[in-house]
């Protein structure tokens, strides 16, 4: 039975959201799947767009992290049936073009990013709603194993995909020292992935004491930015970290990363950048043969690998969640996250 309307969290101006009644999502193409959302979440990318909303029209349905149950399928969908429990990527790709065949789904001309207006490509309604239309569903969606909870599955489309890509592109060897700048959800999950993939000391740099405590409980060596360089150099005989992950973005994250890296080391930036310019130590980067990579997570490429890390218990993603709240509490949840009174809030429907 189809429905005419649904509840959704929509953008209502700079740093403001509201719950609105909007037309219900529905299948419009043969490769679409309609997902009834059971869990959605608020991401740092959502918060960044509220602060820098240039490509985010008022009324945009927000959100790109989701777990749900398949409600209906288009005529061309082959991999899913109504009743399947699924998670999915935060953006879409066709799965057939030259870029997709290489595993570079982000470069697909058919890319659209859920719930972000035109910030990252074509606009597509977001997942903070009762229903979500997922184009190219056979490519974008994945079945969730029974061993993965809905709350853990919420990380698969973005945060975990980003963390896994960061460590993969950092080219670490067993025992390497890894420093992570930023102790939000991406930074915390990256620290766990680094440990699961045989890194040596993992140093997480974070100014907020509560986040440092959470990182310590998950196995990282957490340190305030003021003491980060001294700690890293004490662990490496003065060399610096073998790899640094910038989980903040912008000039602040890159500057901190360059302050921790060793000669011939690799910096991987996964934090969102809202500015086209940033100071870059070109002479030093050349003389020390530094590598800088900008990386975007891709669950369509990497989900088989990172799903195994979760389903076998190597990653405890539930430990990153501050709380799970009813969907109707979304406005308050956004306010708490914008004020840094919480780490990660999941909305339950």
C-alpha atoms as a PDB file:
ATOM      1  CA  UNK A   1       0.000   0.000   0.000  1.00  0.00           C
ATOM      2  CA  UNK A   2       1.476   3.337  -1.030  1.00  0.00           C
ATOM      3  CA  UNK A   3       1.458   6.391   1.220  1.00  0.00           C
ATOM      4  CA  UNK A   4       1.171  10.043   0.290  1.00  0.00           C
ATOM      5  CA  UNK A   5       3.411  11.656   2.912  1.00  0.00           C
ATOM      6  CA  UNK A   6       6.211  10.892   5.343  1.00  0.00           C
ATOM      7  CA  UNK A   7       8.145  12.578   8.136  1.00  0.00           C
ATOM      8  CA  UNK A   8      11.649  13.857   7.354  1.00  0.00           C
ATOM      9  CA  UNK A   9      14.382  16.054   8.828  1.00  0.00           C
ATOM     10  CA  UNK A  10      14.887  19.037   6.524  1.00  0.00           C
ATOM     11  CA  UNK A  11      17.320  21.952   6.353  1.00  0.00           C
ATOM     12  CA  UNK A  12      15.690  25.109   7.746  1.00  0.00           C
ATOM     13  CA  UNK A  13      18.470  27.700   7.510  1.00  0.00           C
ATOM     14  CA  UNK A  14      22.053  28.008   8.813  1.00  0.00           C
ATOM     15  CA  UNK A  15      22.519  25.575  11.735  1.00  0.00           C
ATOM     16  CA  UNK A  16      18.780  24.888  11.822  1.00  0.00           C
ATOM     17  CA  UNK A  17      16.712  21.805  11.019  1.00  0.00           C
ATOM     18  CA  UNK A  18      13.092  20.828  11.526  1.00  0.00           C
ATOM     19  CA  UNK A  19      10.905  17.774  11.178  1.00  0.00           C
ATOM     20  CA  UNK A  20       8.483  18.272   8.307  1.00  0.00           C
ATOM     21  CA  UNK A  21       5.777  16.335   6.532  1.00  0.00           C
ATOM     22  CA  UNK A  22       6.879  15.866   2.918  1.00  0.00           C
ATOM     23  CA  UNK A  23       5.743  13.810  -0.082  1.00  0.00           C
ATOM     24  CA  UNK A  24       6.623  10.167   0.487  1.00  0.00           C
ATOM     25  CA  UNK A  25       9.574   8.718  -1.408  1.00  0.00           C
ATOM     26  CA  UNK A  26       8.582   6.344  -4.180  1.00  0.00           C
ATOM     27  CA  UNK A  27      10.154   4.252  -6.909  1.00  0.00           C
ATOM     28  CA  UNK A  28      10.691   6.251 -10.087  1.00  0.00           C
ATOM     29  CA  UNK A  29      13.059   4.023 -12.087  1.00  0.00           C
ATOM     30  CA  UNK A  30      13.559   0.318 -12.797  1.00  0.00           C
ATOM     31  CA  UNK A  31      16.779   0.083 -10.759  1.00  0.00           C
ATOM     32  CA  UNK A  32      15.338   1.817  -7.673  1.00  0.00           C
ATOM     33  CA  UNK A  33      14.682   0.247  -4.294  1.00  0.00           C
ATOM     34  CA  UNK A  34      12.431   1.837  -1.681  1.00  0.00           C
ATOM     35  CA  UNK A  35      13.845   1.352   1.820  1.00  0.00           C
ATOM     36  CA  UNK A  36      11.799   1.731   5.012  1.00  0.00           C
ATOM     37  CA  UNK A  37      14.328   3.340   7.353  1.00  0.00           C
ATOM     38  CA  UNK A  38      14.851   1.761  10.784  1.00  0.00           C
ATOM     39  CA  UNK A  39      18.020   3.649  11.726  1.00  0.00           C
ATOM     40  CA  UNK A  40      19.545   6.850  10.405  1.00  0.00           C
ATOM     41  CA  UNK A  41      22.216   9.072  11.926  1.00  0.00           C
ATOM     42  CA  UNK A  42      23.679  12.553  12.018  1.00  0.00           C
ATOM     43  CA  UNK A  43      27.159  12.807  10.523  1.00  0.00           C
ATOM     44  CA  UNK A  44      29.903  15.406  10.760  1.00  0.00           C
ATOM     45  CA  UNK A  45      29.288  16.103   7.076  1.00  0.00           C
ATOM     46  CA  UNK A  46      25.690  17.053   7.914  1.00  0.00           C
ATOM     47  CA  UNK A  47      26.926  19.455  10.585  1.00  0.00           C
ATOM     48  CA  UNK A  48      29.516  20.947   8.241  1.00  0.00           C
ATOM     49  CA  UNK A  49      26.866  21.622   5.607  1.00  0.00           C
ATOM     50  CA  UNK A  50      24.660  23.367   8.170  1.00  0.00           C
ATOM     51  CA  UNK A  51      27.593  25.679   8.876  1.00  0.00           C
ATOM     52  CA  UNK A  52      28.528  26.096   5.187  1.00  0.00           C
ATOM     53  CA  UNK A  53      25.175  25.695   3.382  1.00  0.00           C
ATOM     54  CA  UNK A  54      25.977  27.296   0.030  1.00  0.00           C
ATOM     55  CA  UNK A  55      24.660  24.352  -2.029  1.00  0.00           C
ATOM     56  CA  UNK A  56      21.966  23.245   0.404  1.00  0.00           C
ATOM     57  CA  UNK A  57      18.509  24.635  -0.462  1.00  0.00           C
ATOM     58  CA  UNK A  58      16.016  25.197   2.333  1.00  0.00           C
ATOM     59  CA  UNK A  59      13.757  22.162   2.624  1.00  0.00           C
ATOM     60  CA  UNK A  60      16.424  19.622   1.607  1.00  0.00           C
ATOM     61  CA  UNK A  61      15.837  16.240   3.257  1.00  0.00           C
ATOM     62  CA  UNK A  62      19.073  15.588   5.145  1.00  0.00           C
ATOM     63  CA  UNK A  63      21.096  12.506   5.957  1.00  0.00           C
ATOM     64  CA  UNK A  64      23.175   9.862   4.206  1.00  0.00           C
ATOM     65  CA  UNK A  65      23.668   7.145   6.848  1.00  0.00           C
ATOM     66  CA  UNK A  66      20.948   4.523   6.937  1.00  0.00           C
ATOM     67  CA  UNK A  67      19.826   1.011   7.743  1.00  0.00           C
ATOM     68  CA  UNK A  68      16.405  -0.270   6.811  1.00  0.00           C
ATOM     69  CA  UNK A  69      14.168  -2.898   5.293  1.00  0.00           C
ATOM     70  CA  UNK A  70      13.400  -3.166   1.599  1.00  0.00           C
ATOM     71  CA  UNK A  71       9.813  -2.045   1.033  1.00  0.00           C
ATOM     72  CA  UNK A  72       9.566  -2.298  -2.763  1.00  0.00           C
ATOM     73  CA  UNK A  73      11.828  -2.871  -5.773  1.00  0.00           C
ATOM     74  CA  UNK A  74      11.999  -1.650  -9.361  1.00  0.00           C
ATOM     75  CA  UNK A  75      11.534  -4.032 -12.259  1.00  0.00           C
ATOM     76  CA  UNK A  76      15.299  -4.330 -12.997  1.00  0.00           C
ATOM     77  CA  UNK A  77      16.490  -4.995  -9.444  1.00  0.00           C
ATOM     78  CA  UNK A  78      17.948  -8.480  -9.048  1.00  0.00           C
ATOM     79  CA  UNK A  79      19.797  -8.590  -5.734  1.00  0.00           C
ATOM     80  CA  UNK A  80      17.111  -7.534  -3.265  1.00  0.00           C
ATOM     81  CA  UNK A  81      13.581  -8.500  -2.266  1.00  0.00           C
ATOM     82  CA  UNK A  82      11.002  -6.914   0.025  1.00  0.00           C
ATOM     83  CA  UNK A  83      11.842  -7.698   3.638  1.00  0.00           C
ATOM     84  CA  UNK A  84      15.644  -7.723   3.176  1.00  0.00           C
ATOM     85  CA  UNK A  85      17.602  -5.841   5.856  1.00  0.00           C
ATOM     86  CA  UNK A  86      20.057  -3.493   4.171  1.00  0.00           C
ATOM     87  CA  UNK A  87      22.553  -0.700   4.554  1.00  0.00           C
ATOM     88  CA  UNK A  88      23.960   1.341   1.728  1.00  0.00           C
ATOM     89  CA  UNK A  89      26.566   3.742   0.441  1.00  0.00           C
ATOM     90  CA  UNK A  90      26.179   7.461   1.135  1.00  0.00           C
ATOM     91  CA  UNK A  91      26.329   8.172  -2.605  1.00  0.00           C
ATOM     92  CA  UNK A  92      25.226   6.425  -5.780  1.00  0.00           C
ATOM     93  CA  UNK A  93      27.124   5.088  -8.797  1.00  0.00           C
ATOM     94  CA  UNK A  94      26.036   3.212 -11.877  1.00  0.00           C
ATOM     95  CA  UNK A  95      28.387   0.256 -11.397  1.00  0.00           C
ATOM     96  CA  UNK A  96      28.970  -0.090 -15.161  1.00  0.00           C
ATOM     97  CA  UNK A  97      31.112   2.821 -16.392  1.00  0.00           C
ATOM     98  CA  UNK A  98      34.920   2.893 -16.740  1.00  0.00           C
ATOM     99  CA  UNK A  99      35.333   4.533 -13.322  1.00  0.00           C
ATOM    100  CA  UNK A 100      33.052   2.065 -11.548  1.00  0.00           C
ATOM    101  CA  UNK A 101      34.768  -0.934 -13.130  1.00  0.00           C
ATOM    102  CA  UNK A 102      38.027   0.360 -11.620  1.00  0.00           C
ATOM    103  CA  UNK A 103      36.417   0.654  -8.184  1.00  0.00           C
ATOM    104  CA  UNK A 104      36.453   4.464  -8.401  1.00  0.00           C
ATOM    105  CA  UNK A 105      32.721   4.924  -7.843  1.00  0.00           C
ATOM    106  CA  UNK A 106      33.135   8.511  -6.606  1.00  0.00           C
ATOM    107  CA  UNK A 107      34.118   9.598 -10.127  1.00  0.00           C
ATOM    108  CA  UNK A 108      31.005   8.085 -11.763  1.00  0.00           C
ATOM    109  CA  UNK A 109      29.062  10.605 -13.849  1.00  0.00           C
ATOM    110  CA  UNK A 110      25.855   9.230 -12.315  1.00  0.00           C
ATOM    111  CA  UNK A 111      27.001  10.023  -8.774  1.00  0.00           C
ATOM    112  CA  UNK A 112      24.479  11.642  -6.461  1.00  0.00           C
ATOM    113  CA  UNK A 113      25.026  12.126  -2.717  1.00  0.00           C
ATOM    114  CA  UNK A 114      22.086  11.561  -0.384  1.00  0.00           C
ATOM    115  CA  UNK A 115      20.850  14.563   1.569  1.00  0.00           C
ATOM    116  CA  UNK A 116      23.489  17.157   0.695  1.00  0.00           C
ATOM    117  CA  UNK A 117      21.835  19.284  -1.985  1.00  0.00           C
ATOM    118  CA  UNK A 118      24.263  19.840  -4.860  1.00  0.00           C
ATOM    119  CA  UNK A 119      27.359  20.020  -2.636  1.00  0.00           C
ATOM    120  CA  UNK A 120      28.812  16.784  -4.050  1.00  0.00           C
ATOM    121  CA  UNK A 121      27.004  16.316  -7.335  1.00  0.00           C
ATOM    122  CA  UNK A 122      23.381  15.972  -8.297  1.00  0.00           C
ATOM    123  CA  UNK A 123      20.783  16.429  -5.560  1.00  0.00           C
ATOM    124  CA  UNK A 124      19.146  13.357  -4.034  1.00  0.00           C
ATOM    125  CA  UNK A 125      16.721  13.228  -1.112  1.00  0.00           C
ATOM    126  CA  UNK A 126      18.348  12.145   2.138  1.00  0.00           C
ATOM    127  CA  UNK A 127      17.934   9.271   4.554  1.00  0.00           C
ATOM    128  CA  UNK A 128      16.666  11.105   7.635  1.00  0.00           C
ATOM    129  CA  UNK A 129      13.127  10.154   6.714  1.00  0.00           C
ATOM    130  CA  UNK A 130      10.686   7.297   7.008  1.00  0.00           C
ATOM    131  CA  UNK A 131      11.357   6.151   3.434  1.00  0.00           C
ATOM    132  CA  UNK A 132      14.361   6.435   1.112  1.00  0.00           C
ATOM    133  CA  UNK A 133      14.560   5.933  -2.646  1.00  0.00           C
ATOM    134  CA  UNK A 134      17.882   4.314  -3.577  1.00  0.00           C
ATOM    135  CA  UNK A 135      18.833   4.487  -7.289  1.00  0.00           C
ATOM    136  CA  UNK A 136      21.223   1.876  -8.768  1.00  0.00           C
ATOM    137  CA  UNK A 137      20.216  -0.254  -5.793  1.00  0.00           C
ATOM    138  CA  UNK A 138      22.015  -3.420  -6.870  1.00  0.00           C
ATOM    139  CA  UNK A 139      25.266  -1.431  -6.694  1.00  0.00           C
ATOM    140  CA  UNK A 140      24.569   0.928  -3.789  1.00  0.00           C
ATOM    141  CA  UNK A 141      22.910  -1.370  -1.241  1.00  0.00           C
ATOM    142  CA  UNK A 142      24.284  -4.320   0.697  1.00  0.00           C
ATOM    143  CA  UNK A 143      22.667  -7.081   2.732  1.00  0.00           C
ATOM    144  CA  UNK A 144      23.518  -6.797   6.432  1.00  0.00           C
ATOM    145  CA  UNK A 145      24.661 -10.033   8.109  1.00  0.00           C
ATOM    146  CA  UNK A 146      22.683 -11.183  11.147  1.00  0.00           C
ATOM    147  CA  UNK A 147      25.832 -10.634  13.259  1.00  0.00           C
ATOM    148  CA  UNK A 148      25.749  -6.884  12.503  1.00  0.00           C
ATOM    149  CA  UNK A 149      23.272  -4.815  14.519  1.00  0.00           C
ATOM    150  CA  UNK A 150      21.268  -1.987  13.001  1.00  0.00           C
ATOM    151  CA  UNK A 151      23.231   0.469  15.145  1.00  0.00           C
ATOM    152  CA  UNK A 152      26.579  -0.860  13.882  1.00  0.00           C
ATOM    153  CA  UNK A 153      25.303  -0.995  10.311  1.00  0.00           C
ATOM    154  CA  UNK A 154      24.678   2.741  10.369  1.00  0.00           C
ATOM    155  CA  UNK A 155      28.459   3.261  10.056  1.00  0.00           C
ATOM    156  CA  UNK A 156      28.856   1.189   6.902  1.00  0.00           C
ATOM    157  CA  UNK A 157      27.871   3.773   4.310  1.00  0.00           C
ATOM    158  CA  UNK A 158      30.202   6.574   5.364  1.00  0.00           C
ATOM    159  CA  UNK A 159      32.202   6.567   8.625  1.00  0.00           C
ATOM    160  CA  UNK A 160      33.539   3.020   8.442  1.00  0.00           C
ATOM    161  CA  UNK A 161      34.014   3.229   4.677  1.00  0.00           C
ATOM    162  CA  UNK A 162      36.017   6.430   5.180  1.00  0.00           C
ATOM    163  CA  UNK A 163      38.124   4.970   7.983  1.00  0.00           C
ATOM    164  CA  UNK A 164      38.880   1.822   5.992  1.00  0.00           C
ATOM    165  CA  UNK A 165      39.865   3.817   2.902  1.00  0.00           C
ATOM    166  CA  UNK A 166      42.101   6.084   5.006  1.00  0.00           C
ATOM    167  CA  UNK A 167      44.105   3.203   6.425  1.00  0.00           C
ATOM    168  CA  UNK A 168      44.211   1.396   3.075  1.00  0.00           C
ATOM    169  CA  UNK A 169      45.630   4.442   1.311  1.00  0.00           C
ATOM    170  CA  UNK A 170      48.137   5.150   4.093  1.00  0.00           C
ATOM    171  CA  UNK A 171      50.222   2.134   3.033  1.00  0.00           C
ATOM    172  CA  UNK A 172      51.024   1.151   6.615  1.00  0.00           C
ATOM    173  CA  UNK A 173      53.118  -1.896   7.458  1.00  0.00           C
ATOM    174  CA  UNK A 174      52.657  -4.043  10.594  1.00  0.00           C
ATOM    175  CA  UNK A 175      54.014  -2.135  13.563  1.00  0.00           C
ATOM    176  CA  UNK A 176      53.951   1.298  11.912  1.00  0.00           C
ATOM    177  CA  UNK A 177      53.145   4.300  14.091  1.00  0.00           C
ATOM    178  CA  UNK A 178      49.906   5.965  12.979  1.00  0.00           C
ATOM    179  CA  UNK A 179      48.709   9.366  14.193  1.00  0.00           C
ATOM    180  CA  UNK A 180      45.107  10.463  13.729  1.00  0.00           C
ATOM    181  CA  UNK A 181      44.177  14.133  13.939  1.00  0.00           C
ATOM    182  CA  UNK A 182      40.618  14.507  15.245  1.00  0.00           C
ATOM    183  CA  UNK A 183      38.700  12.382  17.725  1.00  0.00           C
ATOM    184  CA  UNK A 184      35.209  12.523  16.235  1.00  0.00           C
ATOM    185  CA  UNK A 185      33.486   9.394  14.904  1.00  0.00           C
ATOM    186  CA  UNK A 186      35.714   9.167  11.812  1.00  0.00           C
ATOM    187  CA  UNK A 187      38.868   9.559  13.884  1.00  0.00           C
ATOM    188  CA  UNK A 188      37.761   6.993  16.465  1.00  0.00           C
ATOM    189  CA  UNK A 189      36.740   4.402  13.902  1.00  0.00           C
ATOM    190  CA  UNK A 190      39.961   5.014  11.965  1.00  0.00           C
ATOM    191  CA  UNK A 191      41.938   4.280  15.128  1.00  0.00           C
ATOM    192  CA  UNK A 192      40.100   0.970  15.506  1.00  0.00           C
ATOM    193  CA  UNK A 193      40.639   0.022  11.857  1.00  0.00           C
ATOM    194  CA  UNK A 194      44.346   0.852  12.179  1.00  0.00           C
ATOM    195  CA  UNK A 195      44.627  -1.506  15.127  1.00  0.00           C
ATOM    196  CA  UNK A 196      42.697  -4.240  13.341  1.00  0.00           C
ATOM    197  CA  UNK A 197      45.078  -3.930  10.392  1.00  0.00           C
ATOM    198  CA  UNK A 198      48.214  -4.404  12.506  1.00  0.00           C
ATOM    199  CA  UNK A 199      49.382  -0.855  13.105  1.00  0.00           C
ATOM    200  CA  UNK A 200      51.758  -0.377  15.997  1.00  0.00           C
ATOM    201  CA  UNK A 201      51.123   2.575  18.329  1.00  0.00           C
ATOM    202  CA  UNK A 202      48.017   4.524  17.284  1.00  0.00           C
ATOM    203  CA  UNK A 203      48.064   8.116  18.549  1.00  0.00           C
ATOM    204  CA  UNK A 204      44.814  10.062  18.447  1.00  0.00           C
ATOM    205  CA  UNK A 205      45.103  13.854  18.719  1.00  0.00           C
ATOM    206  CA  UNK A 206      42.026  15.563  20.157  1.00  0.00           C
ATOM    207  CA  UNK A 207      41.473  18.710  22.280  1.00  0.00           C
ATOM    208  CA  UNK A 208      38.265  17.528  24.001  1.00  0.00           C
ATOM    209  CA  UNK A 209      38.903  15.480  27.141  1.00  0.00           C
ATOM    210  CA  UNK A 210      35.746  13.363  26.792  1.00  0.00           C
ATOM    211  CA  UNK A 211      36.739  12.294  23.296  1.00  0.00           C
ATOM    212  CA  UNK A 212      40.274  11.497  24.435  1.00  0.00           C
ATOM    213  CA  UNK A 213      38.817   9.284  27.150  1.00  0.00           C
ATOM    214  CA  UNK A 214      36.677   7.450  24.604  1.00  0.00           C
ATOM    215  CA  UNK A 215      39.704   6.936  22.342  1.00  0.00           C
ATOM    216  CA  UNK A 216      41.751   5.567  25.233  1.00  0.00           C
ATOM    217  CA  UNK A 217      39.006   3.086  26.083  1.00  0.00           C
ATOM    218  CA  UNK A 218      39.172   1.852  22.486  1.00  0.00           C
ATOM    219  CA  UNK A 219      42.909   1.247  22.563  1.00  0.00           C
ATOM    220  CA  UNK A 220      44.464   4.444  21.206  1.00  0.00           C
ATOM    221  CA  UNK A 221      47.064   6.660  22.855  1.00  0.00           C
ATOM    222  CA  UNK A 222      45.030   9.847  23.164  1.00  0.00           C
ATOM    223  CA  UNK A 223      46.772  13.188  23.524  1.00  0.00           C
ATOM    224  CA  UNK A 224      45.969  16.890  23.518  1.00  0.00           C
ATOM    225  CA  UNK A 225      47.273  18.748  20.434  1.00  0.00           C
ATOM    226  CA  UNK A 226      49.838  20.572  22.577  1.00  0.00           C
ATOM    227  CA  UNK A 227      51.562  17.340  23.532  1.00  0.00           C
ATOM    228  CA  UNK A 228      51.055  15.436  20.278  1.00  0.00           C
ATOM    229  CA  UNK A 229      54.429  16.061  18.643  1.00  0.00           C
ATOM    230  CA  UNK A 230      56.383  15.152  21.780  1.00  0.00           C
ATOM    231  CA  UNK A 231      54.453  11.895  22.224  1.00  0.00           C
ATOM    232  CA  UNK A 232      54.817  10.845  18.587  1.00  0.00           C
ATOM    233  CA  UNK A 233      58.545  11.578  18.553  1.00  0.00           C
ATOM    234  CA  UNK A 234      59.072   9.725  21.833  1.00  0.00           C
ATOM    235  CA  UNK A 235      57.478   6.649  20.254  1.00  0.00           C
ATOM    236  CA  UNK A 236      59.592   6.822  17.084  1.00  0.00           C
ATOM    237  CA  UNK A 237      63.090   7.802  18.212  1.00  0.00           C
ATOM    238  CA  UNK A 238      62.389  11.325  17.028  1.00  0.00           C
ATOM    239  CA  UNK A 239      61.401  10.401  13.459  1.00  0.00           C
ATOM    240  CA  UNK A 240      57.692  11.200  13.494  1.00  0.00           C
ATOM    241  CA  UNK A 241      54.691   9.076  12.549  1.00  0.00           C
ATOM    242  CA  UNK A 242      54.872   6.730   9.574  1.00  0.00           C
ATOM    243  CA  UNK A 243      51.365   7.804   8.558  1.00  0.00           C
ATOM    244  CA  UNK A 244      49.044  10.592   9.676  1.00  0.00           C
ATOM    245  CA  UNK A 245      45.298  10.619   9.041  1.00  0.00           C
ATOM    246  CA  UNK A 246      43.673  14.052   8.925  1.00  0.00           C
ATOM    247  CA  UNK A 247      40.120  13.423  10.137  1.00  0.00           C
ATOM    248  CA  UNK A 248      39.294  17.135  10.494  1.00  0.00           C
ATOM    249  CA  UNK A 249      39.866  18.711   7.091  1.00  0.00           C
ATOM    250  CA  UNK A 250      40.718  22.289   6.242  1.00  0.00           C
ATOM    251  CA  UNK A 251      43.925  24.120   7.027  1.00  0.00           C
ATOM    252  CA  UNK A 252      43.890  23.152  10.716  1.00  0.00           C
ATOM    253  CA  UNK A 253      43.860  19.423  10.040  1.00  0.00           C
ATOM    254  CA  UNK A 254      46.558  19.561   7.372  1.00  0.00           C
ATOM    255  CA  UNK A 255      48.814  21.837   9.428  1.00  0.00           C
ATOM    256  CA  UNK A 256      48.611  19.502  12.419  1.00  0.00           C
ATOM    257  CA  UNK A 257      49.312  16.500  10.189  1.00  0.00           C
ATOM    258  CA  UNK A 258      52.469  18.031   8.699  1.00  0.00           C
ATOM    259  CA  UNK A 259      53.673  18.655  12.246  1.00  0.00           C
ATOM    260  CA  UNK A 260      53.592  14.926  13.050  1.00  0.00           C
ATOM    261  CA  UNK A 261      54.769  13.141   9.892  1.00  0.00           C
ATOM    262  CA  UNK A 262      58.257  11.690   9.379  1.00  0.00           C
ATOM    263  CA  UNK A 263      60.378  12.030   6.268  1.00  0.00           C
ATOM    264  CA  UNK A 264      58.981   9.922   3.408  1.00  0.00           C
ATOM    265  CA  UNK A 265      55.777   9.492   5.407  1.00  0.00           C
ATOM    266  CA  UNK A 266      52.209   9.577   4.112  1.00  0.00           C
ATOM    267  CA  UNK A 267      49.429  11.979   5.097  1.00  0.00           C
ATOM    268  CA  UNK A 268      45.885  10.936   4.214  1.00  0.00           C
ATOM    269  CA  UNK A 269      43.224  13.644   4.465  1.00  0.00           C
ATOM    270  CA  UNK A 270      39.661  12.387   4.836  1.00  0.00           C
ATOM    271  CA  UNK A 271      38.150  15.421   6.580  1.00  0.00           C
ATOM    272  CA  UNK A 272      35.820  17.489   4.392  1.00  0.00           C
ATOM    273  CA  UNK A 273      37.429  20.632   2.960  1.00  0.00           C
ATOM    274  CA  UNK A 274      35.190  23.693   2.569  1.00  0.00           C
ATOM    275  CA  UNK A 275      37.935  26.091   1.383  1.00  0.00           C
ATOM    276  CA  UNK A 276      39.769  26.057  -1.953  1.00  0.00           C
ATOM    277  CA  UNK A 277      43.048  27.291  -0.478  1.00  0.00           C
ATOM    278  CA  UNK A 278      45.374  26.033   2.227  1.00  0.00           C
ATOM    279  CA  UNK A 279      48.991  26.667   3.163  1.00  0.00           C
ATOM    280  CA  UNK A 280      51.194  23.880   1.821  1.00  0.00           C
ATOM    281  CA  UNK A 281      54.877  23.368   2.747  1.00  0.00           C
ATOM    282  CA  UNK A 282      55.982  22.682  -0.813  1.00  0.00           C
ATOM    283  CA  UNK A 283      59.737  22.953  -0.224  1.00  0.00           C
ATOM    284  CA  UNK A 284      59.628  20.624   2.771  1.00  0.00           C
ATOM    285  CA  UNK A 285      57.324  18.163   1.028  1.00  0.00           C
ATOM    286  CA  UNK A 286      59.790  17.909  -1.854  1.00  0.00           C
ATOM    287  CA  UNK A 287      62.934  17.686   0.262  1.00  0.00           C
ATOM    288  CA  UNK A 288      61.448  15.048   2.581  1.00  0.00           C
ATOM    289  CA  UNK A 289      59.614  13.130  -0.164  1.00  0.00           C
ATOM    290  CA  UNK A 290      56.283  13.421   1.635  1.00  0.00           C
ATOM    291  CA  UNK A 291      53.095  11.933   0.218  1.00  0.00           C
ATOM    292  CA  UNK A 292      49.729  13.688   0.619  1.00  0.00           C
ATOM    293  CA  UNK A 293      46.546  11.946  -0.429  1.00  0.00           C
ATOM    294  CA  UNK A 294      42.929  13.086  -0.326  1.00  0.00           C
ATOM    295  CA  UNK A 295      40.615  10.137   0.155  1.00  0.00           C
ATOM    296  CA  UNK A 296      36.832   9.639   0.086  1.00  0.00           C
ATOM    297  CA  UNK A 297      35.307   6.476   1.522  1.00  0.00           C
ATOM    298  CA  UNK A 298      33.636   4.050  -0.871  1.00  0.00           C
ATOM    299  CA  UNK A 299      31.548   1.315   0.704  1.00  0.00           C
ATOM    300  CA  UNK A 300      30.672  -0.096  -2.718  1.00  0.00           C
ATOM    301  CA  UNK A 301      34.358  -0.928  -3.210  1.00  0.00           C
ATOM    302  CA  UNK A 302      35.422  -1.912   0.304  1.00  0.00           C
ATOM    303  CA  UNK A 303      32.354  -3.270   2.126  1.00  0.00           C
ATOM    304  CA  UNK A 304      33.222  -6.949   1.776  1.00  0.00           C
ATOM    305  CA  UNK A 305      36.452  -6.338   3.673  1.00  0.00           C
ATOM    306  CA  UNK A 306      35.207  -4.055   6.433  1.00  0.00           C
ATOM    307  CA  UNK A 307      31.948  -5.951   6.978  1.00  0.00           C
ATOM    308  CA  UNK A 308      34.048  -8.972   7.944  1.00  0.00           C
ATOM    309  CA  UNK A 309      35.908  -6.892  10.543  1.00  0.00           C
ATOM    310  CA  UNK A 310      32.590  -6.014  12.200  1.00  0.00           C
ATOM    311  CA  UNK A 311      30.774  -9.347  11.903  1.00  0.00           C
ATOM    312  CA  UNK A 312      33.736 -11.190  13.452  1.00  0.00           C
ATOM    313  CA  UNK A 313      33.886  -8.767  16.390  1.00  0.00           C
ATOM    314  CA  UNK A 314      37.187  -7.050  15.568  1.00  0.00           C
ATOM    315  CA  UNK A 315      35.514  -3.613  15.528  1.00  0.00           C
ATOM    316  CA  UNK A 316      33.089  -2.470  18.249  1.00  0.00           C
ATOM    317  CA  UNK A 317      31.230   0.309  16.432  1.00  0.00           C
ATOM    318  CA  UNK A 318      28.516   0.561  19.094  1.00  0.00           C
ATOM    319  CA  UNK A 319      31.169   2.055  21.390  1.00  0.00           C
ATOM    320  CA  UNK A 320      31.264   5.204  19.230  1.00  0.00           C
ATOM    321  CA  UNK A 321      27.537   5.950  19.663  1.00  0.00           C
ATOM    322  CA  UNK A 322      26.626   8.471  22.357  1.00  0.00           C
ATOM    323  CA  UNK A 323      22.970   7.510  22.327  1.00  0.00           C
ATOM    324  CA  UNK A 324      20.069   6.245  20.220  1.00  0.00           C
ATOM    325  CA  UNK A 325      17.003   8.504  20.308  1.00  0.00           C
ATOM    326  CA  UNK A 326      13.542   8.467  18.708  1.00  0.00           C
ATOM    327  CA  UNK A 327      13.348  10.078  15.282  1.00  0.00           C
ATOM    328  CA  UNK A 328      11.096  12.814  16.676  1.00  0.00           C
ATOM    329  CA  UNK A 329      14.023  13.998  18.846  1.00  0.00           C
ATOM    330  CA  UNK A 330      16.123  14.863  15.785  1.00  0.00           C
ATOM    331  CA  UNK A 331      16.082  18.648  16.307  1.00  0.00           C
ATOM    332  CA  UNK A 332      17.503  18.312  19.819  1.00  0.00           C
ATOM    333  CA  UNK A 333      20.043  15.773  18.607  1.00  0.00           C
ATOM    334  CA  UNK A 334      21.322  18.215  15.984  1.00  0.00           C
ATOM    335  CA  UNK A 335      21.593  20.949  18.629  1.00  0.00           C
ATOM    336  CA  UNK A 336      23.651  18.700  20.919  1.00  0.00           C
ATOM    337  CA  UNK A 337      26.007  17.695  18.121  1.00  0.00           C
ATOM    338  CA  UNK A 338      26.482  21.251  16.876  1.00  0.00           C
ATOM    339  CA  UNK A 339      27.405  22.246  20.445  1.00  0.00           C
ATOM    340  CA  UNK A 340      29.725  19.196  20.774  1.00  0.00           C
ATOM    341  CA  UNK A 341      27.695  17.807  23.663  1.00  0.00           C
ATOM    342  CA  UNK A 342      27.603  14.390  21.978  1.00  0.00           C
ATOM    343  CA  UNK A 343      29.781  12.231  19.721  1.00  0.00           C
ATOM    344  CA  UNK A 344      27.361  10.273  17.535  1.00  0.00           C
ATOM    345  CA  UNK A 345      23.574  10.194  17.743  1.00  0.00           C
ATOM    346  CA  UNK A 346      21.495   7.573  15.969  1.00  0.00           C
ATOM    347  CA  UNK A 347      17.830   8.203  15.186  1.00  0.00           C
ATOM    348  CA  UNK A 348      15.509   5.213  15.555  1.00  0.00           C
ATOM    349  CA  UNK A 349      12.295   4.843  13.582  1.00  0.00           C
END
